[in-house]
Protein backbone atom coordinates (compact mmCIF):
# COMPACT_ATOMS: atom_id res chain seq x y z
CA UNK A 1 -0.05 -0.08 -0.02
CA UNK A 2 1.15 3.45 -0.99
CA UNK A 3 1.47 5.82 1.89
CA UNK A 4 0.03 9.56 1.87
CA UNK A 5 3.09 10.99 0.54
CA UNK A 6 2.88 11.86 -2.91
CA UNK A 7 4.44 14.49 -5.05
CA UNK A 8 4.77 15.74 -8.57
CA UNK A 9 7.95 17.06 -10.40
CA UNK A 10 6.18 19.07 -12.73
CA UNK A 11 7.07 17.40 -15.89
CA UNK A 12 4.16 14.99 -15.64
CA UNK A 13 5.24 12.27 -13.44
CA UNK A 14 3.53 11.54 -9.83
CA UNK A 15 6.00 9.75 -7.24
CA UNK A 16 4.49 7.80 -4.52
CA UNK A 17 6.61 6.85 -1.39
CA UNK A 18 5.63 3.68 -0.39
CA UNK A 19 5.39 1.89 2.77
CA UNK A 20 8.30 -0.28 1.95
CA UNK A 21 10.50 2.72 1.24
CA UNK A 22 10.54 2.45 -2.38
CA UNK A 23 9.09 4.78 -4.45
CA UNK A 24 6.90 4.73 -7.42
CA UNK A 25 7.01 7.01 -10.80
CA UNK A 26 3.69 7.31 -12.40
CA UNK A 27 3.81 8.74 -15.99
CA UNK A 28 0.39 10.69 -15.74
CA UNK A 29 -0.34 11.05 -19.50
CA UNK A 30 0.04 7.24 -19.83
CA UNK A 31 -0.55 5.53 -16.52
CA UNK A 32 2.64 3.45 -16.91
CA UNK A 33 4.59 3.18 -13.54
CA UNK A 34 7.71 1.60 -12.45
CA UNK A 35 9.62 1.69 -9.03
CA UNK A 36 13.01 2.04 -7.33
CA UNK A 37 14.73 2.55 -4.16
CA UNK A 38 15.22 6.46 -4.97
CA UNK A 39 13.56 8.80 -7.17
CA UNK A 40 16.34 8.46 -9.81
CA UNK A 41 16.23 4.67 -9.99
CA UNK A 42 12.43 5.15 -10.49
CA UNK A 43 12.52 7.49 -13.24
CA UNK A 44 15.18 5.15 -14.85
CA UNK A 45 12.65 2.52 -14.60
CA UNK A 46 9.78 4.45 -15.58
CA UNK A 47 11.76 5.43 -19.03
CA UNK A 48 12.41 1.93 -19.91
CA UNK A 49 8.91 0.93 -19.03
CA UNK A 50 7.74 3.79 -21.32
CA UNK A 51 10.12 2.59 -24.13
CA UNK A 52 8.55 -0.83 -23.96
CA UNK A 53 4.94 0.49 -23.66
CA UNK A 54 5.68 2.68 -26.97
CA UNK A 55 6.89 -0.48 -28.87
CA UNK A 56 10.58 -0.21 -27.94
CA UNK A 57 12.39 -2.95 -27.12
CA UNK A 58 13.26 -6.58 -28.50
CA UNK A 59 10.85 -9.43 -28.98
CA UNK A 60 11.44 -12.40 -26.65
CA UNK A 61 13.41 -15.24 -28.53
CA UNK A 62 13.25 -19.11 -27.53
CA UNK A 63 16.69 -18.92 -26.18
CA UNK A 64 15.67 -16.31 -23.93
CA UNK A 65 12.90 -18.24 -22.70
CA UNK A 66 15.32 -21.22 -22.48
CA UNK A 67 17.51 -19.18 -20.41
CA UNK A 68 14.43 -18.31 -18.05
CA UNK A 69 14.05 -21.98 -17.35
CA UNK A 70 10.92 -21.81 -19.67
CA UNK A 71 10.23 -24.58 -22.31
CA UNK A 72 9.25 -22.43 -25.73
CA UNK A 73 6.56 -25.12 -26.54
CA UNK A 74 4.94 -24.54 -23.57
CA UNK A 75 4.63 -20.81 -24.09
CA UNK A 76 1.33 -19.57 -25.95
CA UNK A 77 2.11 -17.97 -29.41
CA UNK A 78 1.40 -14.46 -29.36
CA UNK A 79 -2.60 -13.82 -30.16
CA UNK A 80 -3.77 -11.61 -32.73
CA UNK A 81 -7.05 -10.89 -30.72
CA UNK A 82 -6.54 -8.60 -27.59
CA UNK A 83 -7.72 -10.30 -24.68
CA UNK A 84 -11.38 -9.36 -23.22
CA UNK A 85 -10.09 -6.56 -20.70
CA UNK A 86 -8.03 -4.90 -23.32
CA UNK A 87 -10.83 -4.11 -25.82
């Protein structure tokens, strides 16, 4: 749960100081959020999350899945149809 301590930096990012001591940075335009131990770390993580949100990054390969201990054959292929909650 978040504490009552919130602040804005004037650049469209809201910081939420969590009870566990971490800080969540929320992009107010997109609603994308990420967290870190400091504001700077939270902003770095938010920047990465926003890049991925906007279509950046690299697709996950079978080798990546195997590195994570997953069998690529057990992972569902990407569906062209959006899940109901995204429609």
